[in-house]
Amino acid sequence: MRYGSANFGITGVDWQQRVNFERMRTYRLERAREMMKKAGLGAMLCLYDENVRYITGTLTPGWNRLKPGLRYALLCGDGQPVLFEQGDIGAQVERHAPWIPPENIRYSYA
């Protein structure tokens, strides 16, 4: 590694170009759509946390992980993902994930 090269850490700083999270979220969503088209799917319902995180860029509390179906996301064609969350977690997602339109955050009644 040469002196002065960029450090790609997980913390954001204003004086270095590090991980471009917006670009990463866009790439993941586009890739998911490509795979759907390749498989001939018009929609995809993601029940596992890893898949929900991949297409929405959201994180859930630890107690909600490893329990498929407590939170889930629906991706239809070229639309934006619709995220179904447990209780008040949806309000937290709305506050912390401005890339998801508020109308696409719904309650999961699982």
N, C-alpha and C. Protein backbone atom coordinates (compact mmCIF):
# COMPACT_ATOMS: atom_id res chain seq x y z
N MET A 1 0.85 -1.18 0.00
CA MET A 1 0.00 0.00 0.00
C MET A 1 0.89 1.23 0.00
N ARG A 2 0.62 2.13 -0.87
CA ARG A 2 1.47 3.32 -0.92
C ARG A 2 0.98 4.35 0.08
N TYR A 3 1.91 5.14 0.55
CA TYR A 3 1.61 6.17 1.52
C TYR A 3 0.61 7.17 0.95
N GLY A 4 -0.39 7.50 1.73
CA GLY A 4 -1.36 8.50 1.32
C GLY A 4 -2.55 7.94 0.55
N SER A 5 -2.59 6.63 0.34
CA SER A 5 -3.74 6.08 -0.37
C SER A 5 -4.96 6.07 0.55
N ALA A 6 -6.13 5.97 -0.06
CA ALA A 6 -7.38 6.05 0.70
C ALA A 6 -7.53 4.87 1.66
N ASN A 7 -8.15 5.14 2.77
CA ASN A 7 -8.46 4.12 3.77
C ASN A 7 -9.96 3.87 3.67
N PHE A 8 -10.36 2.69 3.23
CA PHE A 8 -11.77 2.39 3.04
C PHE A 8 -12.37 1.79 4.30
N GLY A 9 -12.49 2.59 5.33
CA GLY A 9 -13.10 2.14 6.58
C GLY A 9 -14.61 2.27 6.51
N ILE A 10 -15.27 1.87 7.58
CA ILE A 10 -16.73 1.93 7.59
C ILE A 10 -17.25 3.25 8.11
N THR A 11 -16.38 4.08 8.64
CA THR A 11 -16.82 5.38 9.12
C THR A 11 -16.71 6.41 8.00
N GLY A 12 -17.65 7.30 7.95
CA GLY A 12 -17.63 8.33 6.92
C GLY A 12 -16.87 9.56 7.38
N VAL A 13 -16.14 10.16 6.50
CA VAL A 13 -15.43 11.40 6.77
C VAL A 13 -15.64 12.34 5.59
N ASP A 14 -15.49 13.62 5.82
CA ASP A 14 -15.69 14.57 4.73
C ASP A 14 -14.42 14.86 3.95
N TRP A 15 -13.30 14.34 4.42
CA TRP A 15 -12.03 14.65 3.77
C TRP A 15 -11.46 13.49 2.96
N GLN A 16 -12.20 12.40 2.83
CA GLN A 16 -11.78 11.25 2.02
C GLN A 16 -12.99 10.64 1.35
N GLN A 17 -12.78 10.10 0.15
CA GLN A 17 -13.83 9.33 -0.52
C GLN A 17 -13.71 7.90 -0.03
N ARG A 18 -14.67 7.47 0.74
CA ARG A 18 -14.65 6.10 1.27
C ARG A 18 -15.77 5.31 0.62
N VAL A 19 -16.49 4.55 1.40
CA VAL A 19 -17.58 3.75 0.85
C VAL A 19 -18.73 4.68 0.46
N ASN A 20 -19.19 4.54 -0.76
CA ASN A 20 -20.32 5.32 -1.24
C ASN A 20 -21.58 4.47 -1.01
N PHE A 21 -22.22 4.68 0.14
CA PHE A 21 -23.34 3.82 0.52
C PHE A 21 -24.55 3.97 -0.39
N GLU A 22 -24.78 5.17 -0.89
CA GLU A 22 -25.90 5.37 -1.81
C GLU A 22 -25.68 4.55 -3.08
N ARG A 23 -24.47 4.60 -3.60
CA ARG A 23 -24.14 3.81 -4.79
C ARG A 23 -24.28 2.31 -4.51
N MET A 24 -23.87 1.88 -3.31
CA MET A 24 -23.98 0.47 -2.95
C MET A 24 -25.44 0.03 -2.89
N ARG A 25 -26.30 0.85 -2.27
CA ARG A 25 -27.72 0.50 -2.20
C ARG A 25 -28.33 0.42 -3.60
N THR A 26 -27.98 1.37 -4.46
CA THR A 26 -28.48 1.38 -5.83
C THR A 26 -28.01 0.14 -6.59
N TYR A 27 -26.74 -0.20 -6.43
CA TYR A 27 -26.19 -1.38 -7.10
C TYR A 27 -26.91 -2.65 -6.65
N ARG A 28 -27.12 -2.80 -5.36
CA ARG A 28 -27.78 -4.00 -4.84
C ARG A 28 -29.20 -4.13 -5.39
N LEU A 29 -29.92 -3.03 -5.40
CA LEU A 29 -31.30 -3.05 -5.89
C LEU A 29 -31.34 -3.38 -7.39
N GLU A 30 -30.45 -2.77 -8.15
CA GLU A 30 -30.38 -3.06 -9.59
C GLU A 30 -30.00 -4.51 -9.84
N ARG A 31 -29.08 -5.02 -9.06
CA ARG A 31 -28.65 -6.42 -9.22
C ARG A 31 -29.80 -7.38 -8.88
N ALA A 32 -30.54 -7.07 -7.83
CA ALA A 32 -31.69 -7.91 -7.47
C ALA A 32 -32.72 -7.91 -8.60
N ARG A 33 -32.97 -6.75 -9.19
CA ARG A 33 -33.91 -6.66 -10.31
C ARG A 33 -33.42 -7.46 -11.52
N GLU A 34 -32.13 -7.37 -11.80
CA GLU A 34 -31.56 -8.14 -12.91
C GLU A 34 -31.75 -9.64 -12.69
N MET A 35 -31.50 -10.11 -11.49
CA MET A 35 -31.65 -11.53 -11.19
C MET A 35 -33.11 -11.97 -11.27
N MET A 36 -34.02 -11.07 -10.86
CA MET A 36 -35.45 -11.37 -10.99
C MET A 36 -35.83 -11.55 -12.46
N LYS A 37 -35.38 -10.62 -13.29
CA LYS A 37 -35.68 -10.70 -14.73
C LYS A 37 -35.09 -11.96 -15.34
N LYS A 38 -33.86 -12.26 -14.94
CA LYS A 38 -33.19 -13.46 -15.46
C LYS A 38 -33.95 -14.73 -15.09
N ALA A 39 -34.55 -14.74 -13.89
CA ALA A 39 -35.31 -15.90 -13.42
C ALA A 39 -36.77 -15.86 -13.87
N GLY A 40 -37.17 -14.79 -14.55
CA GLY A 40 -38.55 -14.68 -15.01
C GLY A 40 -39.54 -14.33 -13.91
N LEU A 41 -39.07 -13.64 -12.88
CA LEU A 41 -39.94 -13.27 -11.75
C LEU A 41 -40.45 -11.85 -11.91
N GLY A 42 -41.72 -11.64 -11.63
CA GLY A 42 -42.29 -10.30 -11.65
C GLY A 42 -42.20 -9.62 -10.30
N ALA A 43 -42.06 -10.42 -9.24
CA ALA A 43 -41.96 -9.90 -7.88
C ALA A 43 -41.16 -10.89 -7.04
N MET A 44 -40.65 -10.39 -5.93
CA MET A 44 -39.87 -11.22 -5.02
C MET A 44 -40.21 -10.82 -3.58
N LEU A 45 -40.58 -11.81 -2.78
CA LEU A 45 -40.86 -11.59 -1.37
C LEU A 45 -39.67 -12.13 -0.59
N CYS A 46 -38.98 -11.25 0.12
CA CYS A 46 -37.79 -11.63 0.89
C CYS A 46 -38.18 -11.77 2.36
N LEU A 47 -37.95 -12.96 2.91
CA LEU A 47 -38.30 -13.24 4.30
C LEU A 47 -37.10 -13.28 5.23
N TYR A 48 -35.94 -13.59 4.70
CA TYR A 48 -34.73 -13.69 5.53
C TYR A 48 -34.07 -12.32 5.65
N ASP A 49 -33.56 -12.04 6.85
CA ASP A 49 -33.00 -10.72 7.15
C ASP A 49 -31.89 -10.32 6.18
N GLU A 50 -31.04 -11.27 5.80
CA GLU A 50 -29.94 -10.94 4.88
C GLU A 50 -30.47 -10.42 3.55
N ASN A 51 -31.55 -11.02 3.06
CA ASN A 51 -32.13 -10.60 1.79
C ASN A 51 -32.87 -9.27 1.93
N VAL A 52 -33.57 -9.09 3.05
CA VAL A 52 -34.26 -7.83 3.30
C VAL A 52 -33.24 -6.70 3.38
N ARG A 53 -32.16 -6.94 4.09
CA ARG A 53 -31.09 -5.94 4.21
C ARG A 53 -30.49 -5.63 2.84
N TYR A 54 -30.30 -6.64 2.02
CA TYR A 54 -29.69 -6.46 0.70
C TYR A 54 -30.52 -5.52 -0.18
N ILE A 55 -31.83 -5.71 -0.21
CA ILE A 55 -32.64 -4.89 -1.14
C ILE A 55 -33.14 -3.59 -0.52
N THR A 56 -33.12 -3.46 0.83
CA THR A 56 -33.61 -2.23 1.45
C THR A 56 -32.52 -1.39 2.10
N GLY A 57 -31.40 -2.01 2.44
CA GLY A 57 -30.34 -1.27 3.14
C GLY A 57 -30.71 -0.95 4.57
N THR A 58 -31.59 -1.75 5.17
CA THR A 58 -32.01 -1.50 6.55
C THR A 58 -31.51 -2.60 7.47
N LEU A 59 -31.43 -2.27 8.74
CA LEU A 59 -30.97 -3.20 9.76
C LEU A 59 -32.04 -3.27 10.84
N THR A 60 -32.18 -4.41 11.45
CA THR A 60 -33.20 -4.60 12.47
C THR A 60 -32.54 -5.02 13.78
N PRO A 61 -33.22 -4.84 14.91
CA PRO A 61 -32.64 -5.28 16.19
C PRO A 61 -32.34 -6.77 16.19
N GLY A 62 -31.38 -7.16 16.99
CA GLY A 62 -30.94 -8.55 17.05
C GLY A 62 -32.03 -9.55 17.33
N TRP A 63 -33.00 -9.20 18.18
CA TRP A 63 -34.05 -10.16 18.52
C TRP A 63 -34.93 -10.49 17.32
N ASN A 64 -34.92 -9.64 16.32
CA ASN A 64 -35.78 -9.82 15.15
C ASN A 64 -35.08 -10.61 14.04
N ARG A 65 -33.78 -10.80 14.17
CA ARG A 65 -33.03 -11.56 13.16
C ARG A 65 -33.24 -13.04 13.39
N LEU A 66 -32.91 -13.81 12.40
CA LEU A 66 -33.00 -15.27 12.48
C LEU A 66 -34.41 -15.78 12.74
N LYS A 67 -35.39 -14.94 12.50
CA LYS A 67 -36.79 -15.33 12.63
C LYS A 67 -37.50 -14.93 11.34
N PRO A 68 -37.34 -15.73 10.29
CA PRO A 68 -37.91 -15.36 8.99
C PRO A 68 -39.41 -15.08 9.08
N GLY A 69 -39.80 -13.98 8.47
CA GLY A 69 -41.21 -13.63 8.41
C GLY A 69 -41.64 -12.58 9.42
N LEU A 70 -40.82 -12.29 10.44
CA LEU A 70 -41.19 -11.21 11.36
C LEU A 70 -41.05 -9.87 10.67
N ARG A 71 -40.08 -9.75 9.80
CA ARG A 71 -39.93 -8.59 8.93
C ARG A 71 -39.69 -9.14 7.54
N TYR A 72 -40.17 -8.43 6.55
CA TYR A 72 -39.99 -8.91 5.18
C TYR A 72 -40.09 -7.73 4.23
N ALA A 73 -39.67 -7.97 3.00
CA ALA A 73 -39.70 -6.92 1.99
C ALA A 73 -40.22 -7.50 0.68
N LEU A 74 -40.98 -6.69 -0.02
CA LEU A 74 -41.55 -7.07 -1.31
C LEU A 74 -40.96 -6.17 -2.38
N LEU A 75 -40.39 -6.78 -3.40
CA LEU A 75 -39.85 -6.04 -4.53
C LEU A 75 -40.63 -6.45 -5.78
N CYS A 76 -41.32 -5.48 -6.37
CA CYS A 76 -42.13 -5.75 -7.58
C CYS A 76 -41.50 -5.04 -8.77
N GLY A 77 -41.09 -5.82 -9.75
CA GLY A 77 -40.55 -5.27 -10.99
C GLY A 77 -39.56 -4.15 -10.79
N ASP A 78 -39.84 -3.00 -11.40
CA ASP A 78 -38.94 -1.86 -11.31
C ASP A 78 -39.30 -0.91 -10.17
N GLY A 79 -40.25 -1.31 -9.33
CA GLY A 79 -40.66 -0.46 -8.22
C GLY A 79 -39.66 -0.46 -7.08
N GLN A 80 -39.91 0.38 -6.12
CA GLN A 80 -39.08 0.43 -4.92
C GLN A 80 -39.55 -0.65 -3.95
N PRO A 81 -38.64 -1.19 -3.14
CA PRO A 81 -39.05 -2.23 -2.19
C PRO A 81 -40.05 -1.68 -1.16
N VAL A 82 -40.98 -2.54 -0.77
CA VAL A 82 -41.91 -2.22 0.31
C VAL A 82 -41.45 -3.05 1.50
N LEU A 83 -41.18 -2.36 2.61
CA LEU A 83 -40.63 -3.00 3.81
C LEU A 83 -41.72 -3.17 4.85
N PHE A 84 -41.87 -4.38 5.36
CA PHE A 84 -42.84 -4.68 6.41
C PHE A 84 -42.06 -4.93 7.69
N GLU A 85 -42.28 -4.08 8.71
CA GLU A 85 -41.53 -4.14 9.96
C GLU A 85 -42.43 -4.40 11.15
N GLN A 86 -41.84 -4.88 12.22
CA GLN A 86 -42.53 -5.13 13.47
C GLN A 86 -42.74 -3.83 14.24
N GLY A 87 -43.95 -3.56 14.64
CA GLY A 87 -44.29 -2.46 15.54
C GLY A 87 -43.60 -1.14 15.25
N ASP A 88 -42.97 -0.59 16.29
CA ASP A 88 -42.35 0.73 16.23
C ASP A 88 -41.07 0.76 15.41
N ILE A 89 -40.57 -0.40 15.02
CA ILE A 89 -39.34 -0.42 14.23
C ILE A 89 -39.55 0.34 12.92
N GLY A 90 -40.75 0.28 12.38
CA GLY A 90 -41.05 1.01 11.15
C GLY A 90 -40.84 2.50 11.30
N ALA A 91 -41.20 3.06 12.45
CA ALA A 91 -40.98 4.49 12.71
C ALA A 91 -39.49 4.79 12.76
N GLN A 92 -38.72 3.88 13.33
CA GLN A 92 -37.27 4.06 13.38
C GLN A 92 -36.66 3.99 11.98
N VAL A 93 -37.15 3.08 11.17
CA VAL A 93 -36.66 2.97 9.79
C VAL A 93 -36.97 4.26 9.04
N GLU A 94 -38.16 4.77 9.22
CA GLU A 94 -38.55 6.02 8.55
C GLU A 94 -37.60 7.15 8.92
N ARG A 95 -37.18 7.18 10.18
CA ARG A 95 -36.28 8.23 10.65
C ARG A 95 -34.85 8.04 10.15
N HIS A 96 -34.38 6.79 10.13
CA HIS A 96 -32.97 6.52 9.85
C HIS A 96 -32.67 6.08 8.42
N ALA A 97 -33.67 5.78 7.63
CA ALA A 97 -33.46 5.31 6.25
C ALA A 97 -34.26 6.17 5.28
N PRO A 98 -33.83 7.42 5.05
CA PRO A 98 -34.60 8.33 4.20
C PRO A 98 -34.69 7.90 2.74
N TRP A 99 -33.92 6.90 2.33
CA TRP A 99 -33.99 6.42 0.95
C TRP A 99 -35.22 5.56 0.70
N ILE A 100 -35.91 5.15 1.77
CA ILE A 100 -37.14 4.38 1.60
C ILE A 100 -38.32 5.34 1.77
N PRO A 101 -39.16 5.49 0.75
CA PRO A 101 -40.31 6.39 0.88
C PRO A 101 -41.19 5.96 2.06
N PRO A 102 -41.68 6.91 2.86
CA PRO A 102 -42.51 6.57 4.03
C PRO A 102 -43.70 5.67 3.69
N GLU A 103 -44.28 5.86 2.50
CA GLU A 103 -45.43 5.02 2.12
C GLU A 103 -45.02 3.58 1.83
N ASN A 104 -43.72 3.31 1.73
CA ASN A 104 -43.23 1.95 1.49
C ASN A 104 -42.80 1.25 2.77
N ILE A 105 -43.08 1.85 3.91
CA ILE A 105 -42.79 1.23 5.20
C ILE A 105 -44.13 0.86 5.83
N ARG A 106 -44.34 -0.42 6.01
CA ARG A 106 -45.63 -0.93 6.49
C ARG A 106 -45.43 -1.79 7.73
N TYR A 107 -46.54 -2.07 8.41
CA TYR A 107 -46.50 -2.96 9.58
C TYR A 107 -46.54 -4.41 9.14
N SER A 108 -45.74 -5.21 9.81
CA SER A 108 -45.79 -6.66 9.62
C SER A 108 -46.68 -7.20 10.72
N TYR A 109 -47.69 -7.92 10.36
CA TYR A 109 -48.61 -8.48 11.36
C TYR A 109 -48.31 -9.95 11.62
N ALA A 110 -47.05 -10.34 11.43
CA ALA A 110 -46.63 -11.73 11.65
C ALA A 110 -46.61 -12.04 13.14
